[in-house]
PDB file of all heavy atoms in Angstrom:
ATOM      1  N   PHE A   1     -28.364 -20.940 -78.244  1.00  0.00           N
ATOM      2  CA  PHE A   1     -27.910 -19.799 -78.821  1.00  0.00           C
ATOM      3  C   PHE A   1     -26.369 -19.685 -78.909  1.00  0.00           C
ATOM      4  O   PHE A   1     -25.803 -18.699 -79.159  1.00  0.00           O
ATOM      5  CB  PHE A   1     -28.375 -18.516 -78.027  1.00  0.00           C
ATOM      6  CG  PHE A   1     -29.868 -18.364 -78.078  1.00  0.00           C
ATOM      7  CD1 PHE A   1     -30.587 -18.365 -76.874  1.00  0.00           C
ATOM      8  CD2 PHE A   1     -30.583 -18.102 -79.234  1.00  0.00           C
ATOM      9  CE1 PHE A   1     -31.929 -18.230 -76.823  1.00  0.00           C
ATOM     10  CE2 PHE A   1     -31.904 -17.971 -79.259  1.00  0.00           C
ATOM     11  CZ  PHE A   1     -32.670 -18.042 -78.057  1.00  0.00           C
ATOM     12  N   ARG A   2     -25.727 -20.823 -78.763  1.00  0.00           N
ATOM     13  CA  ARG A   2     -24.284 -20.910 -78.808  1.00  0.00           C
ATOM     14  C   ARG A   2     -23.693 -20.357 -80.075  1.00  0.00           C
ATOM     15  O   ARG A   2     -24.120 -20.720 -81.235  1.00  0.00           O
ATOM     16  CB  ARG A   2     -23.822 -22.360 -78.590  1.00  0.00           C
ATOM     17  CG  ARG A   2     -22.305 -22.516 -78.517  1.00  0.00           C
ATOM     18  CD  ARG A   2     -21.957 -23.889 -78.151  1.00  0.00           C
ATOM     19  NE  ARG A   2     -22.394 -24.215 -76.858  1.00  0.00           N
ATOM     20  CZ  ARG A   2     -22.593 -25.405 -76.267  1.00  0.00           C
ATOM     21  NH1 ARG A   2     -22.468 -26.525 -77.055  1.00  0.00           N
ATOM     22  NH2 ARG A   2     -22.958 -25.613 -74.979  1.00  0.00           N
ATOM     23  N   GLY A   3     -22.690 -19.451 -80.006  1.00  0.00           N
ATOM     24  CA  GLY A   3     -22.175 -18.763 -81.097  1.00  0.00           C
ATOM     25  C   GLY A   3     -22.893 -17.573 -81.675  1.00  0.00           C
ATOM     26  O   GLY A   3     -22.385 -16.944 -82.558  1.00  0.00           O
ATOM     27  N   TYR A   4     -24.024 -17.269 -81.107  1.00  0.00           N
ATOM     28  CA  TYR A   4     -24.771 -16.097 -81.487  1.00  0.00           C
ATOM     29  C   TYR A   4     -25.090 -15.207 -80.285  1.00  0.00           C
ATOM     30  O   TYR A   4     -26.179 -14.601 -80.214  1.00  0.00           O
ATOM     31  CB  TYR A   4     -26.082 -16.548 -82.105  1.00  0.00           C
ATOM     32  CG  TYR A   4     -25.807 -17.318 -83.515  1.00  0.00           C
ATOM     33  CD1 TYR A   4     -25.675 -18.634 -83.505  1.00  0.00           C
ATOM     34  CD2 TYR A   4     -25.601 -16.561 -84.702  1.00  0.00           C
ATOM     35  CE1 TYR A   4     -25.378 -19.324 -84.725  1.00  0.00           C
ATOM     36  CE2 TYR A   4     -25.251 -17.216 -85.856  1.00  0.00           C
ATOM     37  CZ  TYR A   4     -25.155 -18.582 -85.827  1.00  0.00           C
ATOM     38  OH  TYR A   4     -24.933 -19.216 -86.998  1.00  0.00           O
ATOM     39  N   VAL A   5     -24.255 -15.086 -79.353  1.00  0.00           N
ATOM     40  CA  VAL A   5     -24.466 -14.217 -78.172  1.00  0.00           C
ATOM     41  C   VAL A   5     -23.233 -13.267 -78.095  1.00  0.00           C
ATOM     42  O   VAL A   5     -22.118 -13.548 -78.333  1.00  0.00           O
ATOM     43  CB  VAL A   5     -24.466 -15.109 -76.905  1.00  0.00           C
ATOM     44  CG1 VAL A   5     -24.539 -14.219 -75.645  1.00  0.00           C
ATOM     45  CG2 VAL A   5     -25.503 -16.060 -76.982  1.00  0.00           C
ATOM     46  N   ALA A   6     -23.615 -12.017 -77.743  1.00  0.00           N
ATOM     47  CA  ALA A   6     -22.570 -10.895 -77.598  1.00  0.00           C
ATOM     48  C   ALA A   6     -22.716 -10.370 -76.208  1.00  0.00           C
ATOM     49  O   ALA A   6     -23.790 -10.175 -75.741  1.00  0.00           O
ATOM     50  CB  ALA A   6     -22.817  -9.879 -78.617  1.00  0.00           C
ATOM     51  N   LEU A   7     -21.476 -10.028 -75.664  1.00  0.00           N
ATOM     52  CA  LEU A   7     -21.403  -9.552 -74.299  1.00  0.00           C
ATOM     53  C   LEU A   7     -20.772  -8.127 -74.387  1.00  0.00           C
ATOM     54  O   LEU A   7     -19.893  -7.986 -75.279  1.00  0.00           O
ATOM     55  CB  LEU A   7     -20.481 -10.373 -73.344  1.00  0.00           C
ATOM     56  CG  LEU A   7     -21.078 -11.738 -72.881  1.00  0.00           C
ATOM     57  CD1 LEU A   7     -20.062 -12.326 -71.992  1.00  0.00           C
ATOM     58  CD2 LEU A   7     -22.410 -11.565 -72.265  1.00  0.00           C
ATOM     59  N   GLU A   8     -21.097  -7.228 -73.426  1.00  0.00           N
ATOM     60  CA  GLU A   8     -20.421  -5.952 -73.467  1.00  0.00           C
ATOM     61  C   GLU A   8     -19.131  -6.063 -72.736  1.00  0.00           C
ATOM     62  O   GLU A   8     -18.975  -6.913 -71.743  1.00  0.00           O
ATOM     63  CB  GLU A   8     -21.262  -4.988 -72.627  1.00  0.00           C
ATOM     64  CG  GLU A   8     -20.617  -3.625 -72.613  1.00  0.00           C
ATOM     65  CD  GLU A   8     -21.421  -2.526 -71.854  1.00  0.00           C
ATOM     66  OE1 GLU A   8     -22.430  -2.854 -71.346  1.00  0.00           O
ATOM     67  OE2 GLU A   8     -20.991  -1.349 -71.804  1.00  0.00           O
ATOM     68  N   ASP A   9     -18.081  -5.384 -73.167  1.00  0.00           N
ATOM     69  CA  ASP A   9     -16.814  -5.465 -72.520  1.00  0.00           C
ATOM     70  C   ASP A   9     -16.782  -4.514 -71.272  1.00  0.00           C
ATOM     71  O   ASP A   9     -16.203  -3.497 -71.291  1.00  0.00           O
ATOM     72  CB  ASP A   9     -15.697  -4.956 -73.557  1.00  0.00           C
ATOM     73  CG  ASP A   9     -14.301  -5.201 -73.036  1.00  0.00           C
ATOM     74  OD1 ASP A   9     -14.130  -5.730 -71.959  1.00  0.00           O
ATOM     75  OD2 ASP A   9     -13.347  -4.707 -73.735  1.00  0.00           O
ATOM     76  N   ASN A  10     -17.406  -5.042 -70.297  1.00  0.00           N
ATOM     77  CA  ASN A  10     -17.679  -4.175 -69.032  1.00  0.00           C
ATOM     78  C   ASN A  10     -18.051  -5.123 -67.893  1.00  0.00           C
ATOM     79  O   ASN A  10     -19.111  -5.791 -67.920  1.00  0.00           O
ATOM     80  CB  ASN A  10     -18.739  -3.197 -69.249  1.00  0.00           C
ATOM     81  CG  ASN A  10     -18.786  -2.179 -68.220  1.00  0.00           C
ATOM     82  OD1 ASN A  10     -18.513  -2.353 -67.077  1.00  0.00           O
ATOM     83  ND2 ASN A  10     -19.209  -0.891 -68.534  1.00  0.00           N
ATOM     84  N   TYR A  11     -17.157  -5.203 -66.943  1.00  0.00           N
ATOM     85  CA  TYR A  11     -17.525  -6.112 -65.811  1.00  0.00           C
ATOM     86  C   TYR A  11     -18.596  -5.555 -64.883  1.00  0.00           C
ATOM     87  O   TYR A  11     -19.126  -6.280 -64.125  1.00  0.00           O
ATOM     88  CB  TYR A  11     -16.223  -6.286 -64.926  1.00  0.00           C
ATOM     89  CG  TYR A  11     -15.491  -5.034 -64.488  1.00  0.00           C
ATOM     90  CD1 TYR A  11     -15.972  -4.269 -63.431  1.00  0.00           C
ATOM     91  CD2 TYR A  11     -14.261  -4.628 -65.049  1.00  0.00           C
ATOM     92  CE1 TYR A  11     -15.267  -3.213 -63.007  1.00  0.00           C
ATOM     93  CE2 TYR A  11     -13.538  -3.512 -64.662  1.00  0.00           C
ATOM     94  CZ  TYR A  11     -14.179  -2.743 -63.682  1.00  0.00           C
ATOM     95  OH  TYR A  11     -13.501  -1.586 -63.207  1.00  0.00           O
ATOM     96  N   THR A  12     -18.911  -4.283 -64.993  1.00  0.00           N
ATOM     97  CA  THR A  12     -20.062  -3.743 -64.142  1.00  0.00           C
ATOM     98  C   THR A  12     -21.339  -3.962 -64.872  1.00  0.00           C
ATOM     99  O   THR A  12     -22.334  -3.542 -64.305  1.00  0.00           O
ATOM    100  CB  THR A  12     -19.885  -2.256 -63.744  1.00  0.00           C
ATOM    101  OG1 THR A  12     -19.892  -1.409 -64.925  1.00  0.00           O
ATOM    102  CG2 THR A  12     -18.556  -2.056 -63.028  1.00  0.00           C
ATOM    103  N   THR A  13     -21.380  -4.432 -66.057  1.00  0.00           N
ATOM    104  CA  THR A  13     -22.580  -4.721 -66.782  1.00  0.00           C
ATOM    105  C   THR A  13     -22.702  -6.262 -66.993  1.00  0.00           C
ATOM    106  O   THR A  13     -23.364  -6.979 -66.315  1.00  0.00           O
ATOM    107  CB  THR A  13     -22.756  -3.959 -68.049  1.00  0.00           C
ATOM    108  OG1 THR A  13     -21.631  -4.126 -68.779  1.00  0.00           O
ATOM    109  CG2 THR A  13     -22.917  -2.499 -67.759  1.00  0.00           C
ATOM    110  N   ALA A  14     -21.857  -6.782 -67.870  1.00  0.00           N
ATOM    111  CA  ALA A  14     -21.858  -8.133 -68.280  1.00  0.00           C
ATOM    112  C   ALA A  14     -21.496  -9.054 -66.934  1.00  0.00           C
ATOM    113  O   ALA A  14     -22.115 -10.057 -66.764  1.00  0.00           O
ATOM    114  CB  ALA A  14     -20.936  -8.438 -69.386  1.00  0.00           C
ATOM    115  N   GLY A  15     -20.516  -8.599 -66.240  1.00  0.00           N
ATOM    116  CA  GLY A  15     -20.128  -9.339 -65.079  1.00  0.00           C
ATOM    117  C   GLY A  15     -21.230  -9.296 -63.968  1.00  0.00           C
ATOM    118  O   GLY A  15     -21.446 -10.400 -63.448  1.00  0.00           O
ATOM    119  N   GLN A  16     -21.867  -8.211 -63.753  1.00  0.00           N
ATOM    120  CA  GLN A  16     -22.863  -8.096 -62.813  1.00  0.00           C
ATOM    121  C   GLN A  16     -24.166  -8.818 -63.184  1.00  0.00           C
ATOM    122  O   GLN A  16     -24.814  -9.550 -62.331  1.00  0.00           O
ATOM    123  CB  GLN A  16     -23.252  -6.705 -62.406  1.00  0.00           C
ATOM    124  CG  GLN A  16     -24.025  -6.596 -61.126  1.00  0.00           C
ATOM    125  CD  GLN A  16     -24.117  -5.020 -60.731  1.00  0.00           C
ATOM    126  OE1 GLN A  16     -23.163  -4.311 -60.977  1.00  0.00           O
ATOM    127  NE2 GLN A  16     -25.203  -4.787 -60.126  1.00  0.00           N
ATOM    128  N   LYS A  17     -24.436  -8.786 -64.475  1.00  0.00           N
ATOM    129  CA  LYS A  17     -25.634  -9.573 -64.949  1.00  0.00           C
ATOM    130  C   LYS A  17     -25.363 -11.100 -64.708  1.00  0.00           C
ATOM    131  O   LYS A  17     -26.350 -11.864 -64.469  1.00  0.00           O
ATOM    132  CB  LYS A  17     -25.967  -9.204 -66.398  1.00  0.00           C
ATOM    133  CG  LYS A  17     -26.454  -7.862 -66.568  1.00  0.00           C
ATOM    134  CD  LYS A  17     -26.562  -7.517 -68.034  1.00  0.00           C
ATOM    135  CE  LYS A  17     -27.012  -6.041 -68.297  1.00  0.00           C
ATOM    136  NZ  LYS A  17     -27.019  -5.719 -69.742  1.00  0.00           N
ATOM    137  N   THR A  18     -24.167 -11.527 -65.059  1.00  0.00           N
ATOM    138  CA  THR A  18     -23.833 -12.827 -64.936  1.00  0.00           C
ATOM    139  C   THR A  18     -24.013 -13.403 -63.432  1.00  0.00           C
ATOM    140  O   THR A  18     -24.559 -14.430 -63.248  1.00  0.00           O
ATOM    141  CB  THR A  18     -22.400 -13.238 -65.422  1.00  0.00           C
ATOM    142  OG1 THR A  18     -22.282 -12.775 -66.790  1.00  0.00           O
ATOM    143  CG2 THR A  18     -22.067 -14.643 -65.240  1.00  0.00           C
ATOM    144  N   ALA A  19     -23.524 -12.485 -62.604  1.00  0.00           N
ATOM    145  CA  ALA A  19     -23.654 -12.737 -61.070  1.00  0.00           C
ATOM    146  C   ALA A  19     -25.139 -12.884 -60.717  1.00  0.00           C
ATOM    147  O   ALA A  19     -25.509 -13.731 -59.927  1.00  0.00           O
ATOM    148  CB  ALA A  19     -22.978 -11.669 -60.371  1.00  0.00           C
ATOM    149  N   LEU A  20     -25.925 -11.887 -61.368  1.00  0.00           N
ATOM    150  CA  LEU A  20     -27.354 -12.100 -61.037  1.00  0.00           C
ATOM    151  C   LEU A  20     -27.998 -13.328 -61.495  1.00  0.00           C
ATOM    152  O   LEU A  20     -28.798 -14.031 -60.724  1.00  0.00           O
ATOM    153  CB  LEU A  20     -28.091 -10.857 -61.768  1.00  0.00           C
ATOM    154  CG  LEU A  20     -29.595 -10.753 -61.544  1.00  0.00           C
ATOM    155  CD1 LEU A  20     -29.871 -10.456 -60.035  1.00  0.00           C
ATOM    156  CD2 LEU A  20     -30.165  -9.612 -62.385  1.00  0.00           C
ATOM    157  N   TYR A  21     -27.583 -13.848 -62.631  1.00  0.00           N
ATOM    158  CA  TYR A  21     -28.057 -15.105 -63.154  1.00  0.00           C
ATOM    159  C   TYR A  21     -27.554 -16.337 -62.274  1.00  0.00           C
ATOM    160  O   TYR A  21     -28.348 -17.146 -61.908  1.00  0.00           O
ATOM    161  CB  TYR A  21     -27.484 -15.222 -64.665  1.00  0.00           C
ATOM    162  CG  TYR A  21     -27.607 -16.774 -65.074  1.00  0.00           C
ATOM    163  CD1 TYR A  21     -28.855 -17.324 -65.437  1.00  0.00           C
ATOM    164  CD2 TYR A  21     -26.488 -17.445 -65.211  1.00  0.00           C
ATOM    165  CE1 TYR A  21     -28.912 -18.675 -65.823  1.00  0.00           C
ATOM    166  CE2 TYR A  21     -26.547 -18.820 -65.604  1.00  0.00           C
ATOM    167  CZ  TYR A  21     -27.754 -19.434 -65.982  1.00  0.00           C
ATOM    168  OH  TYR A  21     -27.730 -20.642 -66.299  1.00  0.00           O
ATOM    169  N   LEU A  22     -26.304 -16.257 -61.980  1.00  0.00           N
ATOM    170  CA  LEU A  22     -25.759 -17.383 -61.191  1.00  0.00           C
ATOM    171  C   LEU A  22     -26.392 -17.494 -59.813  1.00  0.00           C
ATOM    172  O   LEU A  22     -26.671 -18.506 -59.268  1.00  0.00           O
ATOM    173  CB  LEU A  22     -24.273 -17.246 -61.050  1.00  0.00           C
ATOM    174  CG  LEU A  22     -23.358 -17.435 -62.324  1.00  0.00           C
ATOM    175  CD1 LEU A  22     -22.071 -17.022 -62.097  1.00  0.00           C
ATOM    176  CD2 LEU A  22     -23.581 -18.879 -62.873  1.00  0.00           C
ATOM    177  N   LYS A  23     -26.623 -16.271 -59.248  1.00  0.00           N
ATOM    178  CA  LYS A  23     -27.284 -16.299 -57.882  1.00  0.00           C
ATOM    179  C   LYS A  23     -28.761 -16.726 -58.018  1.00  0.00           C
ATOM    180  O   LYS A  23     -29.192 -17.616 -57.184  1.00  0.00           O
ATOM    181  CB  LYS A  23     -27.313 -14.770 -57.424  1.00  0.00           C
ATOM    182  CG  LYS A  23     -27.971 -14.681 -55.993  1.00  0.00           C
ATOM    183  CD  LYS A  23     -28.029 -13.206 -55.491  1.00  0.00           C
ATOM    184  CE  LYS A  23     -28.781 -12.927 -54.264  1.00  0.00           C
ATOM    185  NZ  LYS A  23     -28.281 -13.674 -53.117  1.00  0.00           N
ATOM    186  N   ALA A  24     -29.468 -16.277 -59.042  1.00  0.00           N
ATOM    187  CA  ALA A  24     -30.828 -16.623 -59.133  1.00  0.00           C
ATOM    188  C   ALA A  24     -31.070 -18.067 -59.496  1.00  0.00           C
ATOM    189  O   ALA A  24     -32.083 -18.691 -59.018  1.00  0.00           O
ATOM    190  CB  ALA A  24     -31.560 -15.787 -60.218  1.00  0.00           C
ATOM    191  N   ALA A  25     -30.080 -18.616 -60.245  1.00  0.00           N
ATOM    192  CA  ALA A  25     -30.176 -20.067 -60.653  1.00  0.00           C
ATOM    193  C   ALA A  25     -29.640 -20.969 -59.568  1.00  0.00           C
ATOM    194  O   ALA A  25     -29.774 -22.234 -59.736  1.00  0.00           O
ATOM    195  CB  ALA A  25     -29.440 -20.230 -61.928  1.00  0.00           C
ATOM    196  N   GLY A  26     -29.087 -20.409 -58.564  1.00  0.00           N
ATOM    197  CA  GLY A  26     -28.554 -21.234 -57.504  1.00  0.00           C
ATOM    198  C   GLY A  26     -27.314 -21.902 -57.790  1.00  0.00           C
ATOM    199  O   GLY A  26     -26.889 -22.839 -57.182  1.00  0.00           O
ATOM    200  N   LEU A  27     -26.586 -21.360 -58.846  1.00  0.00           N
ATOM    201  CA  LEU A  27     -25.303 -22.071 -59.196  1.00  0.00           C
ATOM    202  C   LEU A  27     -24.094 -21.566 -58.434  1.00  0.00           C
ATOM    203  O   LEU A  27     -23.146 -22.322 -58.317  1.00  0.00           O
ATOM    204  CB  LEU A  27     -25.142 -21.756 -60.778  1.00  0.00           C
ATOM    205  CG  LEU A  27     -26.181 -22.327 -61.710  1.00  0.00           C
ATOM    206  CD1 LEU A  27     -25.964 -21.808 -63.140  1.00  0.00           C
ATOM    207  CD2 LEU A  27     -26.203 -23.858 -61.603  1.00  0.00           C
ATOM    208  N   VAL A  28     -24.203 -20.285 -57.978  1.00  0.00           N
ATOM    209  CA  VAL A  28     -23.111 -19.818 -57.208  1.00  0.00           C
ATOM    210  C   VAL A  28     -23.645 -19.036 -56.053  1.00  0.00           C
ATOM    211  O   VAL A  28     -24.630 -18.343 -56.149  1.00  0.00           O
ATOM    212  CB  VAL A  28     -22.153 -18.940 -57.959  1.00  0.00           C
ATOM    213  CG1 VAL A  28     -21.081 -18.235 -57.059  1.00  0.00           C
ATOM    214  CG2 VAL A  28     -21.540 -19.618 -59.118  1.00  0.00           C
ATOM    215  N   ASP A  29     -23.022 -19.236 -54.845  1.00  0.00           N
ATOM    216  CA  ASP A  29     -23.542 -18.524 -53.646  1.00  0.00           C
ATOM    217  C   ASP A  29     -22.960 -17.037 -53.722  1.00  0.00           C
ATOM    218  O   ASP A  29     -21.770 -16.895 -53.355  1.00  0.00           O
ATOM    219  CB  ASP A  29     -23.173 -19.211 -52.342  1.00  0.00           C
ATOM    220  CG  ASP A  29     -23.674 -18.497 -51.114  1.00  0.00           C
ATOM    221  OD1 ASP A  29     -24.640 -17.703 -51.255  1.00  0.00           O
ATOM    222  OD2 ASP A  29     -23.227 -18.832 -50.031  1.00  0.00           O
ATOM    223  N   ILE A  30     -23.728 -16.046 -54.041  1.00  0.00           N
ATOM    224  CA  ILE A  30     -23.380 -14.706 -54.190  1.00  0.00           C
ATOM    225  C   ILE A  30     -24.225 -13.861 -53.267  1.00  0.00           C
ATOM    226  O   ILE A  30     -25.465 -13.764 -53.555  1.00  0.00           O
ATOM    227  CB  ILE A  30     -23.365 -14.192 -55.659  1.00  0.00           C
ATOM    228  CG1 ILE A  30     -22.403 -14.951 -56.495  1.00  0.00           C
ATOM    229  CG2 ILE A  30     -23.069 -12.712 -55.734  1.00  0.00           C
ATOM    230  CD1 ILE A  30     -22.454 -14.614 -57.941  1.00  0.00           C
ATOM    231  N   LYS A  31     -23.714 -13.184 -52.333  1.00  0.00           N
ATOM    232  CA  LYS A  31     -24.539 -12.417 -51.390  1.00  0.00           C
ATOM    233  C   LYS A  31     -25.126 -11.198 -52.076  1.00  0.00           C
ATOM    234  O   LYS A  31     -26.310 -10.893 -51.974  1.00  0.00           O
ATOM    235  CB  LYS A  31     -23.642 -12.030 -50.198  1.00  0.00           C
ATOM    236  CG  LYS A  31     -24.495 -11.242 -49.125  1.00  0.00           C
ATOM    237  CD  LYS A  31     -23.719 -11.007 -47.903  1.00  0.00           C
ATOM    238  CE  LYS A  31     -24.511 -10.140 -46.824  1.00  0.00           C
ATOM    239  NZ  LYS A  31     -23.731  -9.914 -45.647  1.00  0.00           N
ATOM    240  N   ASP A  32     -24.289 -10.446 -52.722  1.00  0.00           N
ATOM    241  CA  ASP A  32     -24.690  -9.150 -53.354  1.00  0.00           C
ATOM    242  C   ASP A  32     -24.066  -9.099 -54.790  1.00  0.00           C
ATOM    243  O   ASP A  32     -22.899  -8.722 -54.827  1.00  0.00           O
ATOM    244  CB  ASP A  32     -24.217  -7.962 -52.546  1.00  0.00           C
ATOM    245  CG  ASP A  32     -24.724  -6.659 -53.014  1.00  0.00           C
ATOM    246  OD1 ASP A  32     -25.373  -6.603 -54.104  1.00  0.00           O
ATOM    247  OD2 ASP A  32     -24.434  -5.640 -52.410  1.00  0.00           O
ATOM    248  N   PRO A  33     -24.854  -9.349 -55.800  1.00  0.00           N
ATOM    249  CA  PRO A  33     -24.228  -9.210 -57.179  1.00  0.00           C
ATOM    250  C   PRO A  33     -23.679  -7.818 -57.557  1.00  0.00           C
ATOM    251  O   PRO A  33     -22.856  -7.717 -58.417  1.00  0.00           O
ATOM    252  CB  PRO A  33     -25.488  -9.486 -58.074  1.00  0.00           C
ATOM    253  CG  PRO A  33     -26.344 -10.316 -57.230  1.00  0.00           C
ATOM    254  CD  PRO A  33     -26.174  -9.722 -55.919  1.00  0.00           C
ATOM    255  N   SER A  34     -24.123  -6.772 -56.801  1.00  0.00           N
ATOM    256  CA  SER A  34     -23.643  -5.423 -57.110  1.00  0.00           C
ATOM    257  C   SER A  34     -22.327  -5.080 -56.394  1.00  0.00           C
ATOM    258  O   SER A  34     -21.644  -4.061 -56.748  1.00  0.00           O
ATOM    259  CB  SER A  34     -24.629  -4.390 -56.774  1.00  0.00           C
ATOM    260  OG  SER A  34     -24.837  -4.272 -55.307  1.00  0.00           O
ATOM    261  N   ASN A  35     -21.905  -5.908 -55.493  1.00  0.00           N
ATOM    262  CA  ASN A  35     -20.642  -5.656 -54.769  1.00  0.00           C
ATOM    263  C   ASN A  35     -20.023  -6.954 -54.259  1.00  0.00           C
ATOM    264  O   ASN A  35     -20.121  -7.304 -53.141  1.00  0.00           O
ATOM    265  CB  ASN A  35     -20.950  -4.715 -53.621  1.00  0.00           C
ATOM    266  CG  ASN A  35     -19.611  -4.093 -53.049  1.00  0.00           C
ATOM    267  OD1 ASN A  35     -18.604  -3.993 -53.779  1.00  0.00           O
ATOM    268  ND2 ASN A  35     -19.686  -3.750 -51.742  1.00  0.00           N
ATOM    269  N   MET A  36     -19.371  -7.664 -55.230  1.00  0.00           N
ATOM    270  CA  MET A  36     -18.950  -9.009 -54.934  1.00  0.00           C
ATOM    271  C   MET A  36     -17.635  -9.055 -54.195  1.00  0.00           C
ATOM    272  O   MET A  36     -16.838  -8.117 -54.353  1.00  0.00           O
ATOM    273  CB  MET A  36     -18.905  -9.905 -56.196  1.00  0.00           C
ATOM    274  CG  MET A  36     -20.290 -10.177 -56.816  1.00  0.00           C
ATOM    275  SD  MET A  36     -20.129 -11.173 -58.337  1.00  0.00           S
ATOM    276  CE  MET A  36     -19.801  -9.782 -59.566  1.00  0.00           C
ATOM    277  N   THR A  37     -17.416 -10.102 -53.460  1.00  0.00           N
ATOM    278  CA  THR A  37     -16.045 -10.366 -52.868  1.00  0.00           C
ATOM    279  C   THR A  37     -15.138 -10.785 -53.925  1.00  0.00           C
ATOM    280  O   THR A  37     -15.586 -11.164 -55.148  1.00  0.00           O
ATOM    281  CB  THR A  37     -16.215 -11.406 -51.907  1.00  0.00           C
ATOM    282  OG1 THR A  37     -16.518 -12.720 -52.365  1.00  0.00           O
ATOM    283  CG2 THR A  37     -17.165 -11.068 -50.720  1.00  0.00           C
ATOM    284  N   LYS A  38     -13.819 -10.843 -53.622  1.00  0.00           N
ATOM    285  CA  LYS A  38     -12.865 -11.364 -54.599  1.00  0.00           C
ATOM    286  C   LYS A  38     -13.210 -12.847 -55.029  1.00  0.00           C
ATOM    287  O   LYS A  38     -13.111 -13.151 -56.163  1.00  0.00           O
ATOM    288  CB  LYS A  38     -11.442 -11.331 -54.084  1.00  0.00           C
ATOM    289  CG  LYS A  38     -11.040  -9.808 -53.655  1.00  0.00           C
ATOM    290  CD  LYS A  38      -9.599  -9.850 -53.158  1.00  0.00           C
ATOM    291  CE  LYS A  38      -9.217  -8.374 -52.784  1.00  0.00           C
ATOM    292  NZ  LYS A  38      -7.835  -8.368 -52.184  1.00  0.00           N
ATOM    293  N   GLU A  39     -13.566 -13.647 -54.121  1.00  0.00           N
ATOM    294  CA  GLU A  39     -13.978 -15.048 -54.366  1.00  0.00           C
ATOM    295  C   GLU A  39     -15.141 -15.156 -55.346  1.00  0.00           C
ATOM    296  O   GLU A  39     -15.235 -16.033 -56.203  1.00  0.00           O
ATOM    297  CB  GLU A  39     -14.102 -15.814 -53.094  1.00  0.00           C
ATOM    298  CG  GLU A  39     -12.899 -15.939 -52.166  1.00  0.00           C
ATOM    299  CD  GLU A  39     -12.499 -14.640 -51.469  1.00  0.00           C
ATOM    300  OE1 GLU A  39     -13.480 -13.808 -51.355  1.00  0.00           O
ATOM    301  OE2 GLU A  39     -11.418 -14.603 -51.036  1.00  0.00           O
ATOM    302  N   GLU A  40     -16.059 -14.311 -55.120  1.00  0.00           N
ATOM    303  CA  GLU A  40     -17.385 -14.285 -55.833  1.00  0.00           C
ATOM    304  C   GLU A  40     -17.101 -13.900 -57.354  1.00  0.00           C
ATOM    305  O   GLU A  40     -17.548 -14.606 -58.309  1.00  0.00           O
ATOM    306  CB  GLU A  40     -18.404 -13.488 -55.213  1.00  0.00           C
ATOM    307  CG  GLU A  40     -18.934 -14.034 -53.870  1.00  0.00           C
ATOM    308  CD  GLU A  40     -19.827 -13.044 -53.200  1.00  0.00           C
ATOM    309  OE1 GLU A  40     -19.843 -11.820 -53.419  1.00  0.00           O
ATOM    310  OE2 GLU A  40     -20.553 -13.499 -52.293  1.00  0.00           O
ATOM    311  N   ILE A  41     -16.313 -12.831 -57.477  1.00  0.00           N
ATOM    312  CA  ILE A  41     -16.107 -12.381 -58.803  1.00  0.00           C
ATOM    313  C   ILE A  41     -15.185 -13.439 -59.570  1.00  0.00           C
ATOM    314  O   ILE A  41     -15.366 -13.681 -60.801  1.00  0.00           O
ATOM    315  CB  ILE A  41     -15.451 -10.981 -58.923  1.00  0.00           C
ATOM    316  CG1 ILE A  41     -15.271 -10.428 -60.365  1.00  0.00           C
ATOM    317  CG2 ILE A  41     -14.108 -10.956 -58.157  1.00  0.00           C
ATOM    318  CD1 ILE A  41     -16.554 -10.266 -61.133  1.00  0.00           C
ATOM    319  N   LYS A  42     -14.378 -14.106 -58.845  1.00  0.00           N
ATOM    320  CA  LYS A  42     -13.539 -15.129 -59.446  1.00  0.00           C
ATOM    321  C   LYS A  42     -14.445 -16.281 -60.057  1.00  0.00           C
ATOM    322  O   LYS A  42     -14.232 -16.764 -61.151  1.00  0.00           O
ATOM    323  CB  LYS A  42     -12.489 -15.722 -58.533  1.00  0.00           C
ATOM    324  CG  LYS A  42     -11.616 -16.831 -59.098  1.00  0.00           C
ATOM    325  CD  LYS A  42     -10.651 -17.313 -58.167  1.00  0.00           C
ATOM    326  CE  LYS A  42      -9.787 -18.405 -58.813  1.00  0.00           C
ATOM    327  NZ  LYS A  42     -10.541 -19.520 -59.407  1.00  0.00           N
ATOM    328  N   LYS A  43     -15.448 -16.622 -59.270  1.00  0.00           N
ATOM    329  CA  LYS A  43     -16.291 -17.708 -59.695  1.00  0.00           C
ATOM    330  C   LYS A  43     -17.141 -17.229 -60.871  1.00  0.00           C
ATOM    331  O   LYS A  43     -17.468 -18.084 -61.767  1.00  0.00           O
ATOM    332  CB  LYS A  43     -17.302 -18.075 -58.438  1.00  0.00           C
ATOM    333  CG  LYS A  43     -16.520 -18.763 -57.401  1.00  0.00           C
ATOM    334  CD  LYS A  43     -17.447 -19.106 -56.181  1.00  0.00           C
ATOM    335  CE  LYS A  43     -16.753 -19.799 -55.091  1.00  0.00           C
ATOM    336  NZ  LYS A  43     -17.679 -20.137 -53.915  1.00  0.00           N
ATOM    337  N   VAL A  44     -17.576 -15.967 -60.891  1.00  0.00           N
ATOM    338  CA  VAL A  44     -18.299 -15.442 -62.052  1.00  0.00           C
ATOM    339  C   VAL A  44     -17.439 -15.585 -63.314  1.00  0.00           C
ATOM    340  O   VAL A  44     -17.905 -16.024 -64.347  1.00  0.00           O
ATOM    341  CB  VAL A  44     -18.701 -13.975 -61.794  1.00  0.00           C
ATOM    342  CG1 VAL A  44     -19.229 -13.333 -62.961  1.00  0.00           C
ATOM    343  CG2 VAL A  44     -19.865 -14.009 -60.669  1.00  0.00           C
TER     344      VAL A  44
END
């Protein structure tokens, strides 16, 4: 779907959904997608 994806300009929606994906896929170690540390949000 490259080039045909739209994200909301909002870190508490698009950012948190991305964190949920990364955690579920095992790509990034994120303890709580709803309340990330500085290091976790940087990785997102």
